Amino acid sequence: MDDALDAVFKALADPTRRRILDLLKPGPKTTGQLCGAFAELSRFAVMKHLGILADAGLVLVRREGRQRFNYLNTVPIRQVYERWMGPYAELWSSSLLRLKDHVERDLHRDDNDGK
């Protein structure tokens, strides 16, 4: 599982690949359409990025004749969230609640001391 997550993190680490995923959010795009969105990159460079995304399972490819349709697969992102983000979000939430309780106790104590 960690090797698969490593591949997802590697894929998500690059801004071009994140942009490709954003472009795929509304629906599938052909490789040609994606290449057209990156005028600053060669077709080879875009295809290399797509390959890394596909290896990480973030992009699924369906061939139809000479065209390749690229689909966003959000399952690996969900796995990253469940493994890493969720537990840390819970940690932060509980820490913030403890801090809130501590501050409120101090405020309440100060109010009582001032009476």
PDB file of N, CA and C in Angstrom:
ATOM      1  N   MET A   1       0.825  -1.197   0.000  1.00  0.00           N
ATOM      2  CA  MET A   1       0.000   0.000   0.000  1.00  0.00           C
ATOM      3  C   MET A   1       0.865   1.256   0.000  1.00  0.00           C
ATOM      4  N   ASP A   2       1.968   1.262   0.772  1.00  0.00           N
ATOM      5  CA  ASP A   2       2.804   2.460   0.838  1.00  0.00           C
ATOM      6  C   ASP A   2       3.458   2.772  -0.496  1.00  0.00           C
ATOM      7  N   ASP A   3       3.848   1.743  -1.275  1.00  0.00           N
ATOM      8  CA  ASP A   3       4.428   1.999  -2.597  1.00  0.00           C
ATOM      9  C   ASP A   3       3.417   2.686  -3.503  1.00  0.00           C
ATOM     10  N   ALA A   4       2.176   2.256  -3.431  1.00  0.00           N
ATOM     11  CA  ALA A   4       1.128   2.875  -4.245  1.00  0.00           C
ATOM     12  C   ALA A   4       0.912   4.320  -3.814  1.00  0.00           C
ATOM     13  N   LEU A   5       0.908   4.566  -2.504  1.00  0.00           N
ATOM     14  CA  LEU A   5       0.741   5.937  -2.016  1.00  0.00           C
ATOM     15  C   LEU A   5       1.938   6.797  -2.378  1.00  0.00           C
ATOM     16  N   ASP A   6       3.136   6.213  -2.357  1.00  0.00           N
ATOM     17  CA  ASP A   6       4.328   6.962  -2.780  1.00  0.00           C
ATOM     18  C   ASP A   6       4.180   7.435  -4.218  1.00  0.00           C
ATOM     19  N   ALA A   7       3.653   6.575  -5.078  1.00  0.00           N
ATOM     20  CA  ALA A   7       3.456   6.945  -6.484  1.00  0.00           C
ATOM     21  C   ALA A   7       2.427   8.068  -6.612  1.00  0.00           C
ATOM     22  N   VAL A   8       1.404   8.036  -5.777  1.00  0.00           N
ATOM     23  CA  VAL A   8       0.385   9.094  -5.807  1.00  0.00           C
ATOM     24  C   VAL A   8       0.998  10.413  -5.351  1.00  0.00           C
ATOM     25  N   PHE A   9       1.747  10.389  -4.251  1.00  0.00           N
ATOM     26  CA  PHE A   9       2.396  11.613  -3.773  1.00  0.00           C
ATOM     27  C   PHE A   9       3.357  12.169  -4.819  1.00  0.00           C
ATOM     28  N   LYS A  10       4.122  11.283  -5.452  1.00  0.00           N
ATOM     29  CA  LYS A  10       5.052  11.727  -6.498  1.00  0.00           C
ATOM     30  C   LYS A  10       4.283  12.385  -7.638  1.00  0.00           C
ATOM     31  N   ALA A  11       3.185  11.775  -8.034  1.00  0.00           N
ATOM     32  CA  ALA A  11       2.391  12.321  -9.135  1.00  0.00           C
ATOM     33  C   ALA A  11       1.791  13.672  -8.759  1.00  0.00           C
ATOM     34  N   LEU A  12       1.312  13.795  -7.532  1.00  0.00           N
ATOM     35  CA  LEU A  12       0.672  15.036  -7.096  1.00  0.00           C
ATOM     36  C   LEU A  12       1.670  16.145  -6.786  1.00  0.00           C
ATOM     37  N   ALA A  13       2.946  15.793  -6.672  1.00  0.00           N
ATOM     38  CA  ALA A  13       3.962  16.790  -6.318  1.00  0.00           C
ATOM     39  C   ALA A  13       4.234  17.787  -7.435  1.00  0.00           C
ATOM     40  N   ASP A  14       3.854  17.452  -8.648  1.00  0.00           N
ATOM     41  CA  ASP A  14       4.166  18.307  -9.797  1.00  0.00           C
ATOM     42  C   ASP A  14       2.969  19.189 -10.166  1.00  0.00           C
ATOM     43  N   PRO A  15       3.184  20.508 -10.313  1.00  0.00           N
ATOM     44  CA  PRO A  15       2.060  21.403 -10.640  1.00  0.00           C
ATOM     45  C   PRO A  15       1.417  21.122 -12.000  1.00  0.00           C
ATOM     46  N   THR A  16       2.201  20.680 -12.967  1.00  0.00           N
ATOM     47  CA  THR A  16       1.623  20.358 -14.280  1.00  0.00           C
ATOM     48  C   THR A  16       0.671  19.180 -14.162  1.00  0.00           C
ATOM     49  N   ARG A  17       1.069  18.174 -13.402  1.00  0.00           N
ATOM     50  CA  ARG A  17       0.203  17.006 -13.233  1.00  0.00           C
ATOM     51  C   ARG A  17      -1.062  17.363 -12.447  1.00  0.00           C
ATOM     52  N   ARG A  18      -0.922  18.238 -11.456  1.00  0.00           N
ATOM     53  CA  ARG A  18      -2.128  18.677 -10.736  1.00  0.00           C
ATOM     54  C   ARG A  18      -3.057  19.442 -11.674  1.00  0.00           C
ATOM     55  N   ARG A  19      -2.482  20.224 -12.567  1.00  0.00           N
ATOM     56  CA  ARG A  19      -3.302  20.960 -13.537  1.00  0.00           C
ATOM     57  C   ARG A  19      -4.023  19.998 -14.485  1.00  0.00           C
ATOM     58  N   ILE A  20      -3.340  18.940 -14.894  1.00  0.00           N
ATOM     59  CA  ILE A  20      -3.981  17.926 -15.743  1.00  0.00           C
ATOM     60  C   ILE A  20      -5.180  17.328 -15.007  1.00  0.00           C
ATOM     61  N   LEU A  21      -5.001  16.994 -13.736  1.00  0.00           N
ATOM     62  CA  LEU A  21      -6.113  16.433 -12.963  1.00  0.00           C
ATOM     63  C   LEU A  21      -7.267  17.423 -12.873  1.00  0.00           C
ATOM     64  N   ASP A  22      -6.944  18.701 -12.690  1.00  0.00           N
ATOM     65  CA  ASP A  22      -7.998  19.723 -12.657  1.00  0.00           C
ATOM     66  C   ASP A  22      -8.755  19.777 -13.980  1.00  0.00           C
ATOM     67  N   LEU A  23      -8.030  19.629 -15.079  1.00  0.00           N
ATOM     68  CA  LEU A  23      -8.676  19.648 -16.394  1.00  0.00           C
ATOM     69  C   LEU A  23      -9.580  18.434 -16.602  1.00  0.00           C
ATOM     70  N   LEU A  24      -9.242  17.330 -15.949  1.00  0.00           N
ATOM     71  CA  LEU A  24     -10.037  16.106 -16.094  1.00  0.00           C
ATOM     72  C   LEU A  24     -11.226  16.049 -15.132  1.00  0.00           C
ATOM     73  N   LYS A  25     -11.259  16.961 -14.163  1.00  0.00           N
ATOM     74  CA  LYS A  25     -12.350  16.949 -13.183  1.00  0.00           C
ATOM     75  C   LYS A  25     -13.738  17.007 -13.821  1.00  0.00           C
ATOM     76  N   PRO A  26     -13.972  17.890 -14.792  1.00  0.00           N
ATOM     77  CA  PRO A  26     -15.321  17.950 -15.382  1.00  0.00           C
ATOM     78  C   PRO A  26     -15.685  16.726 -16.224  1.00  0.00           C
ATOM     79  N   GLY A  27     -14.688  16.014 -16.709  1.00  0.00           N
ATOM     80  CA  GLY A  27     -14.967  14.848 -17.540  1.00  0.00           C
ATOM     81  C   GLY A  27     -13.750  14.465 -18.354  1.00  0.00           C
ATOM     82  N   PRO A  28     -13.822  13.339 -19.073  1.00  0.00           N
ATOM     83  CA  PRO A  28     -12.664  12.851 -19.822  1.00  0.00           C
ATOM     84  C   PRO A  28     -12.245  13.816 -20.923  1.00  0.00           C
ATOM     85  N   LYS A  29     -10.954  13.763 -21.230  1.00  0.00           N
ATOM     86  CA  LYS A  29     -10.387  14.560 -22.324  1.00  0.00           C
ATOM     87  C   LYS A  29      -9.462  13.651 -23.124  1.00  0.00           C
ATOM     88  N   THR A  30      -9.386  13.928 -24.414  1.00  0.00           N
ATOM     89  CA  THR A  30      -8.429  13.190 -25.237  1.00  0.00           C
ATOM     90  C   THR A  30      -7.031  13.712 -24.929  1.00  0.00           C
ATOM     91  N   THR A  31      -6.049  12.918 -25.277  1.00  0.00           N
ATOM     92  CA  THR A  31      -4.670  13.359 -25.092  1.00  0.00           C
ATOM     93  C   THR A  31      -4.418  14.620 -25.906  1.00  0.00           C
ATOM     94  N   GLY A  32      -4.981  14.698 -27.096  1.00  0.00           N
ATOM     95  CA  GLY A  32      -4.834  15.893 -27.924  1.00  0.00           C
ATOM     96  C   GLY A  32      -5.407  17.131 -27.255  1.00  0.00           C
ATOM     97  N   GLN A  33      -6.565  16.992 -26.619  1.00  0.00           N
ATOM     98  CA  GLN A  33      -7.162  18.125 -25.908  1.00  0.00           C
ATOM     99  C   GLN A  33      -6.270  18.577 -24.759  1.00  0.00           C
ATOM    100  N   LEU A  34      -5.717  17.624 -24.044  1.00  0.00           N
ATOM    101  CA  LEU A  34      -4.831  17.976 -22.936  1.00  0.00           C
ATOM    102  C   LEU A  34      -3.560  18.641 -23.439  1.00  0.00           C
ATOM    103  N   CYS A  35      -3.014  18.136 -24.533  1.00  0.00           N
ATOM    104  CA  CYS A  35      -1.813  18.756 -25.111  1.00  0.00           C
ATOM    105  C   CYS A  35      -2.108  20.195 -25.528  1.00  0.00           C
ATOM    106  N   GLY A  36      -3.303  20.434 -26.043  1.00  0.00           N
ATOM    107  CA  GLY A  36      -3.689  21.775 -26.450  1.00  0.00           C
ATOM    108  C   GLY A  36      -3.770  22.751 -25.290  1.00  0.00           C
ATOM    109  N   ALA A  37      -3.998  22.240 -24.095  1.00  0.00           N
ATOM    110  CA  ALA A  37      -4.090  23.093 -22.908  1.00  0.00           C
ATOM    111  C   ALA A  37      -2.717  23.489 -22.374  1.00  0.00           C
ATOM    112  N   PHE A  38      -1.669  22.871 -22.904  1.00  0.00           N
ATOM    113  CA  PHE A  38      -0.304  23.132 -22.439  1.00  0.00           C
ATOM    114  C   PHE A  38       0.564  23.565 -23.606  1.00  0.00           C
ATOM    115  N   ALA A  39       0.321  24.762 -24.098  1.00  0.00           N
ATOM    116  CA  ALA A  39       1.068  25.266 -25.256  1.00  0.00           C
ATOM    117  C   ALA A  39       2.566  25.337 -24.972  1.00  0.00           C
ATOM    118  N   GLU A  40       2.922  25.500 -23.708  1.00  0.00           N
ATOM    119  CA  GLU A  40       4.334  25.633 -23.334  1.00  0.00           C
ATOM    120  C   GLU A  40       5.070  24.295 -23.279  1.00  0.00           C
ATOM    121  N   LEU A  41       4.329  23.184 -23.394  1.00  0.00           N
ATOM    122  CA  LEU A  41       4.939  21.853 -23.311  1.00  0.00           C
ATOM    123  C   LEU A  41       4.790  21.106 -24.629  1.00  0.00           C
ATOM    124  N   SER A  42       5.749  20.235 -24.881  1.00  0.00           N
ATOM    125  CA  SER A  42       5.653  19.382 -26.066  1.00  0.00           C
ATOM    126  C   SER A  42       4.635  18.272 -25.799  1.00  0.00           C
ATOM    127  N   ARG A  43       4.165  17.663 -26.870  1.00  0.00           N
ATOM    128  CA  ARG A  43       3.241  16.530 -26.740  1.00  0.00           C
ATOM    129  C   ARG A  43       3.906  15.408 -25.939  1.00  0.00           C
ATOM    130  N   PHE A  44       5.186  15.193 -26.186  1.00  0.00           N
ATOM    131  CA  PHE A  44       5.932  14.159 -25.466  1.00  0.00           C
ATOM    132  C   PHE A  44       5.922  14.434 -23.960  1.00  0.00           C
ATOM    133  N   ALA A  45       6.129  15.699 -23.569  1.00  0.00           N
ATOM    134  CA  ALA A  45       6.153  16.055 -22.144  1.00  0.00           C
ATOM    135  C   ALA A  45       4.789  15.806 -21.500  1.00  0.00           C
ATOM    136  N   VAL A  46       3.719  16.200 -22.179  1.00  0.00           N
ATOM    137  CA  VAL A  46       2.370  15.980 -21.638  1.00  0.00           C
ATOM    138  C   VAL A  46       2.109  14.482 -21.506  1.00  0.00           C
ATOM    139  N   MET A  47       2.507  13.715 -22.506  1.00  0.00           N
ATOM    140  CA  MET A  47       2.290  12.266 -22.455  1.00  0.00           C
ATOM    141  C   MET A  47       3.103  11.625 -21.329  1.00  0.00           C
ATOM    142  N   LYS A  48       4.290  12.152 -21.065  1.00  0.00           N
ATOM    143  CA  LYS A  48       5.096  11.641 -19.956  1.00  0.00           C
ATOM    144  C   LYS A  48       4.380  11.912 -18.626  1.00  0.00           C
ATOM    145  N   HIS A  49       3.831  13.119 -18.473  1.00  0.00           N
ATOM    146  CA  HIS A  49       3.066  13.439 -17.266  1.00  0.00           C
ATOM    147  C   HIS A  49       1.848  12.526 -17.143  1.00  0.00           C
ATOM    148  N   LEU A  50       1.157  12.293 -18.243  1.00  0.00           N
ATOM    149  CA  LEU A  50       0.000  11.393 -18.225  1.00  0.00           C
ATOM    150  C   LEU A  50       0.409   9.976 -17.829  1.00  0.00           C
ATOM    151  N   GLY A  51       1.581   9.550 -18.273  1.00  0.00           N
ATOM    152  CA  GLY A  51       2.080   8.224 -17.910  1.00  0.00           C
ATOM    153  C   GLY A  51       2.318   8.096 -16.415  1.00  0.00           C
ATOM    154  N   ILE A  52       2.889   9.127 -15.813  1.00  0.00           N
ATOM    155  CA  ILE A  52       3.126   9.115 -14.365  1.00  0.00           C
ATOM    156  C   ILE A  52       1.796   9.096 -13.618  1.00  0.00           C
ATOM    157  N   LEU A  53       0.842   9.890 -14.094  1.00  0.00           N
ATOM    158  CA  LEU A  53      -0.489   9.899 -13.471  1.00  0.00           C
ATOM    159  C   LEU A  53      -1.176   8.545 -13.622  1.00  0.00           C
ATOM    160  N   ALA A  54      -1.022   7.925 -14.780  1.00  0.00           N
ATOM    161  CA  ALA A  54      -1.618   6.599 -15.009  1.00  0.00           C
ATOM    162  C   ALA A  54      -0.945   5.549 -14.131  1.00  0.00           C
ATOM    163  N   ASP A  55       0.385   5.614 -14.015  1.00  0.00           N
ATOM    164  CA  ASP A  55       1.102   4.662 -13.160  1.00  0.00           C
ATOM    165  C   ASP A  55       0.655   4.767 -11.701  1.00  0.00           C
ATOM    166  N   ALA A  56       0.289   5.974 -11.285  1.00  0.00           N
ATOM    167  CA  ALA A  56      -0.180   6.189  -9.914  1.00  0.00           C
ATOM    168  C   ALA A  56      -1.658   5.837  -9.760  1.00  0.00           C
ATOM    169  N   GLY A  57      -2.318   5.511 -10.872  1.00  0.00           N
ATOM    170  CA  GLY A  57      -3.730   5.168 -10.827  1.00  0.00           C
ATOM    171  C   GLY A  57      -4.655   6.371 -10.803  1.00  0.00           C
ATOM    172  N   LEU A  58      -4.100   7.568 -10.982  1.00  0.00           N
ATOM    173  CA  LEU A  58      -4.912   8.789 -10.938  1.00  0.00           C
ATOM    174  C   LEU A  58      -5.626   9.064 -12.256  1.00  0.00           C
ATOM    175  N   VAL A  59      -5.105   8.503 -13.336  1.00  0.00           N
ATOM    176  CA  VAL A  59      -5.712   8.665 -14.659  1.00  0.00           C
ATOM    177  C   VAL A  59      -5.920   7.279 -15.257  1.00  0.00           C
ATOM    178  N   LEU A  60      -7.114   7.060 -15.754  1.00  0.00           N
ATOM    179  CA  LEU A  60      -7.433   5.830 -16.472  1.00  0.00           C
ATOM    180  C   LEU A  60      -7.562   6.181 -17.942  1.00  0.00           C
ATOM    181  N   VAL A  61      -7.076   5.293 -18.802  1.00  0.00           N
ATOM    182  CA  VAL A  61      -7.056   5.571 -20.242  1.00  0.00           C
ATOM    183  C   VAL A  61      -7.926   4.554 -20.968  1.00  0.00           C
ATOM    184  N   ARG A  62      -8.737   5.079 -21.882  1.00  0.00           N
ATOM    185  CA  ARG A  62      -9.546   4.225 -22.755  1.00  0.00           C
ATOM    186  C   ARG A  62      -9.213   4.612 -24.187  1.00  0.00           C
ATOM    187  N   ARG A  63      -8.835   3.617 -24.963  1.00  0.00           N
ATOM    188  CA  ARG A  63      -8.520   3.863 -26.373  1.00  0.00           C
ATOM    189  C   ARG A  63      -9.768   3.649 -27.214  1.00  0.00           C
ATOM    190  N   GLU A  64      -9.960   4.571 -28.131  1.00  0.00           N
ATOM    191  CA  GLU A  64     -11.070   4.464 -29.077  1.00  0.00           C
ATOM    192  C   GLU A  64     -10.504   4.835 -30.442  1.00  0.00           C
ATOM    193  N   GLY A  65     -10.224   3.823 -31.232  1.00  0.00           N
ATOM    194  CA  GLY A  65      -9.559   4.074 -32.512  1.00  0.00           C
ATOM    195  C   GLY A  65      -8.168   4.631 -32.254  1.00  0.00           C
ATOM    196  N   ARG A  66      -7.892   5.778 -32.834  1.00  0.00           N
ATOM    197  CA  ARG A  66      -6.574   6.401 -32.650  1.00  0.00           C
ATOM    198  C   ARG A  66      -6.541   7.368 -31.472  1.00  0.00           C
ATOM    199  N   GLN A  67      -7.673   7.552 -30.832  1.00  0.00           N
ATOM    200  CA  GLN A  67      -7.728   8.507 -29.725  1.00  0.00           C
ATOM    201  C   GLN A  67      -7.608   7.808 -28.381  1.00  0.00           C
ATOM    202  N   ARG A  68      -6.983   8.528 -27.464  1.00  0.00           N
ATOM    203  CA  ARG A  68      -6.887   8.067 -26.076  1.00  0.00           C
ATOM    204  C   ARG A  68      -7.715   9.017 -25.216  1.00  0.00           C
ATOM    205  N   PHE A  69      -8.696   8.474 -24.530  1.00  0.00           N
ATOM    206  CA  PHE A  69      -9.507   9.270 -23.614  1.00  0.00           C
ATOM    207  C   PHE A  69      -8.967   9.069 -22.201  1.00  0.00           C
ATOM    208  N   ASN A  70      -8.707  10.167 -21.532  1.00  0.00           N
ATOM    209  CA  ASN A  70      -8.140  10.152 -20.187  1.00  0.00           C
ATOM    210  C   ASN A  70      -9.228  10.524 -19.183  1.00  0.00           C
ATOM    211  N   TYR A  71      -9.361   9.699 -18.162  1.00  0.00           N
ATOM    212  CA  TYR A  71     -10.383   9.884 -17.132  1.00  0.00           C
ATOM    213  C   TYR A  71      -9.705  10.072 -15.780  1.00  0.00           C
ATOM    214  N   LEU A  72     -10.243  10.961 -14.974  1.00  0.00           N
ATOM    215  CA  LEU A  72      -9.768  11.139 -13.607  1.00  0.00           C
ATOM    216  C   LEU A  72     -10.271   9.987 -12.747  1.00  0.00           C
ATOM    217  N   ASN A  73      -9.376   9.396 -11.979  1.00  0.00           N
ATOM    218  CA  ASN A  73      -9.739   8.367 -11.008  1.00  0.00           C
ATOM    219  C   ASN A  73      -9.410   8.927  -9.624  1.00  0.00           C
ATOM    220  N   THR A  74     -10.425   9.216  -8.834  1.00  0.00           N
ATOM    221  CA  THR A  74     -10.204   9.852  -7.534  1.00  0.00           C
ATOM    222  C   THR A  74      -9.936   8.864  -6.396  1.00  0.00           C
ATOM    223  N   VAL A  75     -10.014   7.580  -6.664  1.00  0.00           N
ATOM    224  CA  VAL A  75      -9.819   6.581  -5.605  1.00  0.00           C
ATOM    225  C   VAL A  75      -8.460   6.738  -4.919  1.00  0.00           C
ATOM    226  N   PRO A  76      -7.342   6.884  -5.654  1.00  0.00           N
ATOM    227  CA  PRO A  76      -6.063   7.046  -4.962  1.00  0.00           C
ATOM    228  C   PRO A  76      -5.999   8.307  -4.094  1.00  0.00           C
ATOM    229  N   ILE A  77      -6.668   9.369  -4.513  1.00  0.00           N
ATOM    230  CA  ILE A  77      -6.684  10.591  -3.704  1.00  0.00           C
ATOM    231  C   ILE A  77      -7.439  10.329  -2.404  1.00  0.00           C
ATOM    232  N   ARG A  78      -8.517   9.589  -2.503  1.00  0.00           N
ATOM    233  CA  ARG A  78      -9.285   9.227  -1.304  1.00  0.00           C
ATOM    234  C   ARG A  78      -8.438   8.365  -0.370  1.00  0.00           C
ATOM    235  N   GLN A  79      -7.650   7.447  -0.929  1.00  0.00           N
ATOM    236  CA  GLN A  79      -6.781   6.603  -0.110  1.00  0.00           C
ATOM    237  C   GLN A  79      -5.731   7.444   0.615  1.00  0.00           C
ATOM    238  N   VAL A  80      -5.180   8.441  -0.066  1.00  0.00           N
ATOM    239  CA  VAL A  80      -4.223   9.350   0.579  1.00  0.00           C
ATOM    240  C   VAL A  80      -4.916  10.084   1.724  1.00  0.00           C
ATOM    241  N   TYR A  81      -6.114  10.560   1.461  1.00  0.00           N
ATOM    242  CA  TYR A  81      -6.857  11.279   2.503  1.00  0.00           C
ATOM    243  C   TYR A  81      -7.089  10.377   3.715  1.00  0.00           C
ATOM    244  N   GLU A  82      -7.563   9.165   3.458  1.00  0.00           N
ATOM    245  CA  GLU A  82      -7.881   8.258   4.562  1.00  0.00           C
ATOM    246  C   GLU A  82      -6.636   7.863   5.347  1.00  0.00           C
ATOM    247  N   ARG A  83      -5.516   7.688   4.649  1.00  0.00           N
ATOM    248  CA  ARG A  83      -4.285   7.254   5.320  1.00  0.00           C
ATOM    249  C   ARG A  83      -3.571   8.399   6.024  1.00  0.00           C
ATOM    250  N   TRP A  84      -3.546   9.577   5.400  1.00  0.00           N
ATOM    251  CA  TRP A  84      -2.730  10.671   5.924  1.00  0.00           C
ATOM    252  C   TRP A  84      -3.523  11.866   6.399  1.00  0.00           C
ATOM    253  N   MET A  85      -4.401  12.381   5.590  1.00  0.00           N
ATOM    254  CA  MET A  85      -5.063  13.638   5.925  1.00  0.00           C
ATOM    255  C   MET A  85      -6.091  13.470   7.043  1.00  0.00           C
ATOM    256  N   GLY A  86      -6.905  12.439   6.946  1.00  0.00           N
ATOM    257  CA  GLY A  86      -7.952  12.221   7.942  1.00  0.00           C
ATOM    258  C   GLY A  86      -7.417  12.135   9.361  1.00  0.00           C
ATOM    259  N   PRO A  87      -6.446  11.254   9.629  1.00  0.00           N
ATOM    260  CA  PRO A  87      -5.922  11.158  10.994  1.00  0.00           C
ATOM    261  C   PRO A  87      -5.301  12.469  11.493  1.00  0.00           C
ATOM    262  N   TYR A  88      -4.614  13.192  10.618  1.00  0.00           N
ATOM    263  CA  TYR A  88      -4.011  14.457  11.042  1.00  0.00           C
ATOM    264  C   TYR A  88      -5.068  15.529  11.241  1.00  0.00           C
ATOM    265  N   ALA A  89      -6.115  15.509  10.444  1.00  0.00           N
ATOM    266  CA  ALA A  89      -7.209  16.464  10.633  1.00  0.00           C
ATOM    267  C   ALA A  89      -7.874  16.228  11.986  1.00  0.00           C
ATOM    268  N   GLU A  90      -8.053  14.964  12.351  1.00  0.00           N
ATOM    269  CA  GLU A  90      -8.629  14.645  13.659  1.00  0.00           C
ATOM    270  C   GLU A  90      -7.718  15.133  14.776  1.00  0.00           C
ATOM    271  N   LEU A  91      -6.414  14.963  14.605  1.00  0.00           N
ATOM    272  CA  LEU A  91      -5.446  15.427  15.598  1.00  0.00           C
ATOM    273  C   LEU A  91      -5.558  16.934  15.786  1.00  0.00           C
ATOM    274  N   TRP A  92      -5.596  17.674  14.672  1.00  0.00           N
ATOM    275  CA  TRP A  92      -5.705  19.130  14.750  1.00  0.00           C
ATOM    276  C   TRP A  92      -7.030  19.541  15.372  1.00  0.00           C
ATOM    277  N   SER A  93      -8.096  18.890  15.004  1.00  0.00           N
ATOM    278  CA  SER A  93      -9.410  19.229  15.565  1.00  0.00           C
ATOM    279  C   SER A  93      -9.422  19.034  17.071  1.00  0.00           C
ATOM    280  N   SER A  94      -8.913  17.903  17.528  1.00  0.00           N
ATOM    281  CA  SER A  94      -8.911  17.650  18.972  1.00  0.00           C
ATOM    282  C   SER A  94      -7.971  18.613  19.687  1.00  0.00           C
ATOM    283  N   SER A  95      -6.842  18.963  19.075  1.00  0.00           N
ATOM    284  CA  SER A  95      -5.923  19.935  19.676  1.00  0.00           C
ATOM    285  C   SER A  95      -6.580  21.302  19.788  1.00  0.00           C
ATOM    286  N   LEU A  96      -7.298  21.707  18.752  1.00  0.00           N
ATOM    287  CA  LEU A  96      -7.982  23.002  18.789  1.00  0.00           C
ATOM    288  C   LEU A  96      -9.086  23.018  19.839  1.00  0.00           C
ATOM    289  N   LEU A  97      -9.785  21.911  19.986  1.00  0.00           N
ATOM    290  CA  LEU A  97     -10.824  21.841  21.020  1.00  0.00           C
ATOM    291  C   LEU A  97     -10.218  21.931  22.413  1.00  0.00           C
ATOM    292  N   ARG A  98      -9.085  21.266  22.638  1.00  0.00           N
ATOM    293  CA  ARG A  98      -8.408  21.349  23.936  1.00  0.00           C
ATOM    294  C   ARG A  98      -7.941  22.779  24.202  1.00  0.00           C
ATOM    295  N   LEU A  99      -7.401  23.434  23.185  1.00  0.00           N
ATOM    296  CA  LEU A  99      -6.960  24.820  23.329  1.00  0.00           C
ATOM    297  C   LEU A  99      -8.148  25.725  23.663  1.00  0.00           C
ATOM    298  N   LYS A 100      -9.250  25.534  22.970  1.00  0.00           N
ATOM    299  CA  LYS A 100     -10.468  26.322  23.225  1.00  0.00           C
ATOM    300  C   LYS A 100     -10.919  26.136  24.667  1.00  0.00           C
ATOM    301  N   ASP A 101     -10.966  24.888  25.138  1.00  0.00           N
ATOM    302  CA  ASP A 101     -11.370  24.615  26.518  1.00  0.00           C
ATOM    303  C   ASP A 101     -10.423  25.284  27.505  1.00  0.00           C
ATOM    304  N   HIS A 102      -9.139  25.214  27.239  1.00  0.00           N
ATOM    305  CA  HIS A 102      -8.132  25.817  28.119  1.00  0.00           C
ATOM    306  C   HIS A 102      -8.318  27.334  28.190  1.00  0.00           C
ATOM    307  N   VAL A 103      -8.483  27.974  27.052  1.00  0.00           N
ATOM    308  CA  VAL A 103      -8.667  29.429  27.007  1.00  0.00           C
ATOM    309  C   VAL A 103      -9.956  29.823  27.722  1.00  0.00           C
ATOM    310  N   GLU A 104     -11.022  29.083  27.485  1.00  0.00           N
ATOM    311  CA  GLU A 104     -12.290  29.399  28.146  1.00  0.00           C
ATOM    312  C   GLU A 104     -12.197  29.227  29.655  1.00  0.00           C
ATOM    313  N   ARG A 105     -11.474  28.213  30.124  1.00  0.00           N
ATOM    314  CA  ARG A 105     -11.272  28.031  31.569  1.00  0.00           C
ATOM    315  C   ARG A 105     -10.506  29.214  32.148  1.00  0.00           C
ATOM    316  N   ASP A 106      -9.450  29.636  31.429  1.00  0.00           N
ATOM    317  CA  ASP A 106      -8.666  30.785  31.896  1.00  0.00           C
ATOM    318  C   ASP A 106      -9.518  32.046  31.934  1.00  0.00           C
ATOM    319  N   LEU A 107     -10.335  32.251  30.914  1.00  0.00           N
ATOM    320  CA  LEU A 107     -11.207  33.430  30.889  1.00  0.00           C
ATOM    321  C   LEU A 107     -12.216  33.378  32.034  1.00  0.00           C
ATOM    322  N   HIS A 108     -12.767  32.209  32.260  1.00  0.00           N
ATOM    323  CA  HIS A 108     -13.743  32.039  33.337  1.00  0.00           C
ATOM    324  C   HIS A 108     -13.077  32.288  34.695  1.00  0.00           C
ATOM    325  N   ARG A 109     -11.865  31.788  34.872  1.00  0.00           N
ATOM    326  CA  ARG A 109     -11.120  31.984  36.115  1.00  0.00           C
ATOM    327  C   ARG A 109     -10.821  33.469  36.315  1.00  0.00           C
ATOM    328  N   ASP A 110     -10.399  34.159  35.232  1.00  0.00           N
ATOM    329  CA  ASP A 110     -10.123  35.597  35.315  1.00  0.00           C
ATOM    330  C   ASP A 110     -11.379  36.371  35.679  1.00  0.00           C
ATOM    331  N   ASP A 111     -12.521  35.973  35.121  1.00  0.00           N
ATOM    332  CA  ASP A 111     -13.790  36.638  35.447  1.00  0.00           C
ATOM    333  C   ASP A 111     -14.119  36.464  36.926  1.00  0.00           C
ATOM    334  N   ASN A 112     -13.891  35.267  37.451  1.00  0.00           N
ATOM    335  CA  ASN A 112     -14.181  34.997  38.863  1.00  0.00           C
ATOM    336  C   ASN A 112     -13.201  35.711  39.781  1.00  0.00           C
ATOM    337  N   ASP A 113     -11.945  35.830  39.368  1.00  0.00           N
ATOM    338  CA  ASP A 113     -10.941  36.524  40.178  1.00  0.00           C
ATOM    339  C   ASP A 113     -11.231  38.016  40.250  1.00  0.00           C
ATOM    340  N   GLY A 114     -11.826  38.564  39.216  1.00  0.00           N
ATOM    341  CA  GLY A 114     -12.102  39.997  39.150  1.00  0.00           C
ATOM    342  C   GLY A 114     -13.345  40.408  39.910  1.00  0.00           C
ATOM    343  N   LYS A 115     -14.140  39.477  40.383  1.00  0.00           N
ATOM    344  CA  LYS A 115     -15.398  39.814  41.079  1.00  0.00           C
ATOM    345  C   LYS A 115     -15.174  40.105  42.532  1.00  0.00           C
TER     346      LYS A 115
END
